[in-house]
Protein backbone atom coordinates (compact mmCIF):
# COMPACT_ATOMS: atom_id res chain seq x y z
CA MET A 1 0.00 0.00 0.00
CA LYS A 2 2.87 2.37 0.86
CA ARG A 3 4.50 1.74 -2.53
CA LYS A 4 1.23 2.53 -4.34
CA THR A 5 0.80 5.75 -2.36
CA GLU A 6 4.34 6.84 -3.20
CA ARG A 7 3.76 6.24 -6.92
CA GLU A 8 0.54 8.26 -6.84
CA HIS A 9 2.30 11.08 -4.99
CA LYS A 10 5.06 11.28 -7.62
CA MET A 11 2.42 11.74 -10.31
CA ARG A 12 0.90 14.75 -8.51
CA TRP A 13 1.80 18.04 -10.18
CA PRO A 14 4.85 19.31 -8.26
CA ARG A 15 4.27 23.04 -8.73
CA ARG A 16 1.46 25.52 -8.64
CA VAL A 17 -0.20 26.42 -11.96
CA LEU A 18 -0.39 30.18 -12.42
CA THR A 19 -0.59 30.85 -16.19
CA PRO A 20 -2.53 29.47 -19.17
CA GLY A 21 0.71 27.98 -20.51
CA GLU A 22 1.29 26.11 -17.27
CA ALA A 23 -2.33 24.94 -17.36
CA VAL A 24 -1.77 23.46 -20.82
CA LYS A 25 1.35 21.65 -19.61
CA PHE A 26 -0.67 20.13 -16.78
CA ILE A 27 -3.53 19.08 -19.07
CA ASP A 28 -1.04 17.59 -21.54
CA ALA A 29 0.65 15.65 -18.75
CA VAL A 30 -2.49 14.13 -17.24
CA GLY A 31 -4.27 13.74 -20.60
CA TYR A 32 -7.72 14.60 -19.28
CA CYS A 33 -9.00 16.13 -16.08
CA MET A 34 -11.87 18.00 -14.48
CA LEU A 35 -12.08 21.77 -14.36
CA PHE A 36 -13.19 21.60 -10.72
CA PRO A 37 -13.04 18.53 -8.47
CA VAL A 38 -16.05 16.21 -8.63
CA ALA A 39 -16.39 13.66 -5.83
CA SER A 40 -17.77 10.93 -8.09
CA VAL A 41 -15.08 11.35 -10.76
CA PRO A 42 -11.63 9.94 -9.85
CA LEU A 43 -9.70 12.43 -11.98
CA PRO A 44 -7.39 15.32 -11.07
CA SER A 45 -8.71 18.85 -11.45
CA LEU A 46 -7.20 22.06 -12.73
CA TYR A 47 -8.64 23.84 -9.70
CA ALA A 48 -6.58 21.68 -7.33
CA VAL A 49 -3.24 22.45 -8.99
CA VAL A 50 -4.05 26.16 -9.19
CA THR A 51 -5.16 26.54 -5.57
CA ARG A 52 -3.05 23.70 -4.04
CA ARG A 53 -6.05 22.95 -1.84
CA ASP A 54 -7.29 19.52 -0.89
CA PRO A 55 -10.18 18.66 -3.26
CA SER A 56 -12.37 17.83 -0.26
CA ALA A 57 -12.07 21.43 1.00
CA GLY A 58 -14.67 22.63 -1.51
CA ILE A 59 -14.57 25.43 -4.05
CA TYR A 60 -14.00 29.08 -3.15
CA PHE A 61 -15.29 31.81 -5.44
CA ASP A 62 -12.12 33.87 -5.34
CA GLU A 63 -9.46 35.13 -7.76
CA HIS A 64 -8.37 31.54 -8.47
CA PHE A 65 -11.89 30.59 -9.50
CA GLU A 66 -12.14 33.61 -11.81
CA MET A 67 -8.79 32.80 -13.39
CA ILE A 68 -9.74 29.17 -14.07
CA TRP A 69 -13.13 30.27 -15.40
CA ARG A 70 -11.38 32.49 -17.96
CA TRP A 71 -9.02 29.70 -18.97
CA LYS A 72 -11.86 27.30 -19.77
CA ASP A 73 -12.93 29.82 -22.43
CA GLU A 74 -9.47 30.88 -23.58
CA LEU A 75 -7.80 27.49 -24.01
CA PRO A 76 -10.37 25.98 -26.43
CA ARG A 77 -10.62 29.25 -28.39
CA ARG A 78 -6.86 29.13 -28.91
CA ARG A 79 -7.10 25.39 -29.63
CA ARG A 80 -4.69 24.57 -26.82
CA ALA A 81 -7.06 22.18 -25.02
CA PHE A 82 -10.56 20.83 -25.47
CA TYR A 83 -13.25 21.81 -22.95
CA ALA A 84 -16.84 20.61 -22.64
CA LYS A 85 -19.22 19.11 -20.10
CA TYR A 86 -18.28 15.45 -20.46
CA PHE A 87 -17.62 13.23 -17.44
CA ARG A 88 -20.85 13.16 -15.39
CA GLY A 89 -21.94 16.17 -17.43
CA ARG A 90 -19.37 18.32 -15.66
CA GLY A 91 -16.59 20.56 -16.98
CA THR A 92 -13.82 18.41 -18.48
CA LEU A 93 -10.51 19.34 -20.10
CA ILE A 94 -8.88 17.02 -22.64
CA SER A 95 -5.42 17.42 -24.15
CA ARG A 96 -4.97 17.67 -27.90
CA GLU A 97 -3.03 14.38 -27.82
CA GLN A 98 -5.81 12.46 -26.10
CA LEU A 99 -8.75 14.07 -27.91
CA PRO A 100 -8.47 11.80 -31.00
CA HIS A 101 -8.83 8.77 -28.73
CA PHE A 102 -11.95 10.18 -27.09
CA LEU A 103 -13.43 10.93 -30.52
CA ALA A 104 -12.59 7.45 -31.82
CA MET A 105 -13.97 5.83 -28.68
CA ARG A 106 -17.28 7.69 -29.09
CA ASP A 107 -17.39 7.42 -32.91
CA ALA A 108 -17.54 11.22 -32.93
CA ALA A 109 -15.05 12.11 -35.67
CA VAL A 110 -17.85 13.38 -37.88
CA ALA A 111 -18.36 15.94 -40.64
CA PRO A 112 -20.43 19.09 -39.98
CA ASP A 113 -23.35 17.83 -42.08
CA GLU A 114 -23.83 14.44 -40.40
CA HIS A 115 -26.58 15.65 -38.05
CA GLU A 116 -29.28 14.02 -40.19
CA ARG A 117 -27.58 10.62 -39.99
CA PHE A 118 -27.16 10.86 -36.23
CA TYR A 119 -30.81 11.83 -35.83
CA ALA A 120 -32.00 9.03 -38.11
CA GLU A 121 -29.95 6.52 -36.09
CA GLY A 122 -31.50 7.78 -32.85
CA ARG A 123 -28.20 9.06 -31.50
CA ILE A 124 -29.40 12.65 -30.98
CA SER A 125 -32.73 14.35 -30.30
CA ALA A 126 -34.54 16.75 -32.61
CA ASP A 127 -33.38 19.67 -30.46
CA ALA A 128 -29.77 18.49 -30.61
CA ARG A 129 -30.08 18.15 -34.38
CA ALA A 130 -31.35 21.74 -34.59
CA ILE A 131 -28.38 23.04 -32.60
CA TRP A 132 -25.89 20.99 -34.60
CA GLU A 133 -27.42 22.08 -37.92
CA THR A 134 -27.36 25.74 -36.84
CA LEU A 135 -23.70 25.62 -35.83
CA ALA A 136 -22.85 23.83 -39.08
CA ARG A 137 -24.55 26.57 -41.05
CA GLU A 138 -23.64 29.67 -39.02
CA GLY A 139 -20.30 28.81 -37.44
CA PRO A 140 -19.43 29.49 -33.77
CA LEU A 141 -22.27 31.11 -31.82
CA ALA A 142 -22.76 32.36 -28.27
CA THR A 143 -25.58 30.98 -26.13
CA LEU A 144 -28.30 33.62 -26.59
CA GLU A 145 -27.69 33.94 -30.32
CA LEU A 146 -27.73 30.17 -30.72
CA ARG A 147 -30.96 29.81 -28.75
CA HIS A 148 -32.57 32.51 -30.87
CA ALA A 149 -31.46 30.84 -34.10
CA CYS A 150 -32.91 27.54 -32.87
CA ARG A 151 -36.14 29.17 -31.65
CA MET A 152 -35.48 28.20 -28.04
CA GLU A 153 -35.74 31.68 -26.52
CA THR A 154 -38.52 30.94 -24.00
CA THR A 155 -38.06 29.52 -20.51
CA ALA A 156 -39.24 26.12 -21.72
CA GLY A 157 -37.01 26.49 -24.76
CA ASN A 158 -34.04 27.15 -22.51
CA VAL A 159 -34.69 23.88 -20.68
CA ARG A 160 -34.75 22.05 -24.01
CA TYR A 161 -31.62 23.88 -25.14
CA LYS A 162 -29.65 22.97 -22.03
CA ARG A 163 -30.63 19.32 -22.29
CA ALA A 164 -29.73 19.10 -25.98
CA MET A 165 -26.48 21.02 -25.56
CA LEU A 166 -25.39 18.72 -22.74
CA ASP A 167 -26.12 15.70 -24.95
CA LEU A 168 -24.03 17.17 -27.77
CA GLN A 169 -21.13 17.88 -25.43
CA CYS A 170 -21.26 14.42 -23.85
CA SER A 171 -21.29 12.98 -27.39
CA LEU A 172 -18.20 15.09 -28.21
CA ILE A 173 -19.98 16.80 -31.09
CA VAL A 174 -19.84 20.32 -29.65
CA SER A 175 -17.00 22.10 -27.84
CA HIS A 176 -16.75 25.30 -25.86
CA PHE A 177 -15.03 27.82 -28.09
CA GLY A 178 -14.51 31.01 -26.11
CA ALA A 179 -16.98 33.44 -24.60
CA GLU A 180 -18.95 36.48 -25.67
CA GLN A 181 -20.39 39.37 -23.68
CA GLU A 182 -24.04 39.24 -24.77
CA THR A 183 -25.49 40.94 -21.67
CA ARG A 184 -24.20 42.93 -18.70
CA ALA A 185 -24.04 39.75 -16.65
CA TRP A 186 -21.45 36.97 -17.00
CA ALA A 187 -20.15 36.40 -20.51
CA SER A 188 -22.02 33.75 -22.50
CA ASN A 189 -20.41 30.50 -23.58
CA ARG A 190 -19.53 30.30 -27.26
CA PHE A 191 -19.83 26.94 -29.01
CA GLU A 192 -18.42 25.30 -32.12
CA LEU A 193 -18.51 21.86 -33.68
CA VAL A 194 -15.57 19.76 -32.50
CA CYS A 195 -14.71 18.74 -36.07
CA ARG A 196 -14.10 22.40 -36.94
CA ALA A 197 -12.67 23.54 -33.62
CA PHE A 198 -10.11 20.70 -33.63
CA PRO A 199 -9.84 19.51 -37.26
CA ALA A 200 -6.45 17.82 -36.89
CA GLN A 201 -7.64 15.76 -33.94
CA ALA A 202 -10.86 14.80 -35.73
CA ALA A 203 -8.87 13.68 -38.77
CA ALA A 204 -6.50 11.64 -36.60
CA ALA A 205 -9.41 9.92 -34.85
CA ARG A 206 -10.60 8.41 -38.13
CA HIS A 207 -7.48 6.22 -38.18
CA ILE A 208 -7.92 4.88 -34.63
CA THR A 209 -10.12 1.92 -33.77
CA ALA A 210 -12.43 2.10 -30.77
CA GLN A 211 -10.49 -0.69 -29.04
CA GLU A 212 -7.16 1.08 -29.58
CA ALA A 213 -8.69 4.30 -28.25
CA ARG A 214 -10.01 2.64 -25.10
CA ALA A 215 -6.62 1.04 -24.43
CA ARG A 216 -4.83 4.39 -24.75
CA LEU A 217 -7.32 6.18 -22.50
CA VAL A 218 -7.04 3.50 -19.84
CA ALA A 219 -3.23 3.54 -20.00
CA LYS A 220 -3.29 7.29 -19.41
CA PHE A 221 -5.72 6.92 -16.51
CA LEU A 222 -3.51 4.29 -14.89
CA GLU A 223 -0.54 6.67 -14.96
CA TRP A 224 -2.48 8.80 -12.48
CA ARG A 225 -4.31 5.99 -10.70
CA PRO A 226 -1.97 2.97 -10.82
CA GLY A 227 -3.70 -0.20 -9.71
CA ALA A 228 -7.21 1.15 -10.30
CA PRO A 229 -9.69 -1.73 -10.67
CA ALA A 230 -11.61 -2.41 -13.86
CA ALA A 231 -14.88 -1.59 -12.11
CA GLN A 232 -13.71 1.97 -11.40
CA ILE A 233 -12.61 2.45 -15.02
CA ALA A 234 -15.92 1.06 -16.27
CA ARG A 235 -17.87 3.52 -14.10
CA LEU A 236 -15.73 6.46 -15.19
CA PHE A 237 -16.15 5.85 -18.92
CA GLY A 238 -19.59 4.26 -18.82
CA TRP A 239 -18.36 0.96 -20.27
CA PRO A 240 -19.35 -2.60 -19.39
CA LYS A 241 -16.82 -4.09 -16.99
CA GLU A 242 -15.78 -6.63 -19.63
CA GLU A 243 -14.88 -3.77 -21.99
CA ALA A 244 -12.78 -2.13 -19.30
CA LEU A 245 -10.94 -5.41 -18.67
CA ARG A 246 -10.13 -5.76 -22.38
CA ALA A 247 -8.78 -2.21 -22.43
CA MET A 248 -6.47 -2.74 -19.45
CA PRO A 249 -2.84 -3.75 -20.00
CA SER A 250 -2.23 -7.46 -19.59
């Protein structure tokens, strides 16, 4: 047990992250992580390496929070890291190196006009198809503009929009792509199709099998959590346990 603890400690980021460049180095090193710690997700978080606080201490809405909140808009816009609500529908950062494996694993390396096929196959809802089609036609859009274009301006429409947008992010079809000041309140999220936001990664994913992708993602996870059981990996990725066992190194 002591040996395992020592190995995990060595993998912990040894220095505080204070700049976007340092944040990218951290994301590249861990491969994928949470923006903020999530108790049910056994992944490191950017918040923890910025604040150097124990994840169980909770989140403080201070200058560190504001800095991280800006980075989650800036890094995808500059194509330095992928950001979307993915694991458990919560903010997730994925490195450019690992993104092709996520796309291959989810069969999400698609062209902008494939929304009709996904809808016909039952993979997305009508609302998700409308959002996807609008982004394909108009390019990156901020939240209010996108809702208006999709005729989801009402309170009920906003509920539908949020549900569909979460589905598209969890399917790795849509990525955060910066922010835009649409009102006097907090800046709105700006969204783009992943295949256009990260074209090189989408192209690379088309040459990776799903099994190869799962093996690479598991190998990266085990660098941070050596000795993690297959059941934990299966829960994290939403795979059957047998699939997780096949993806683990022999």
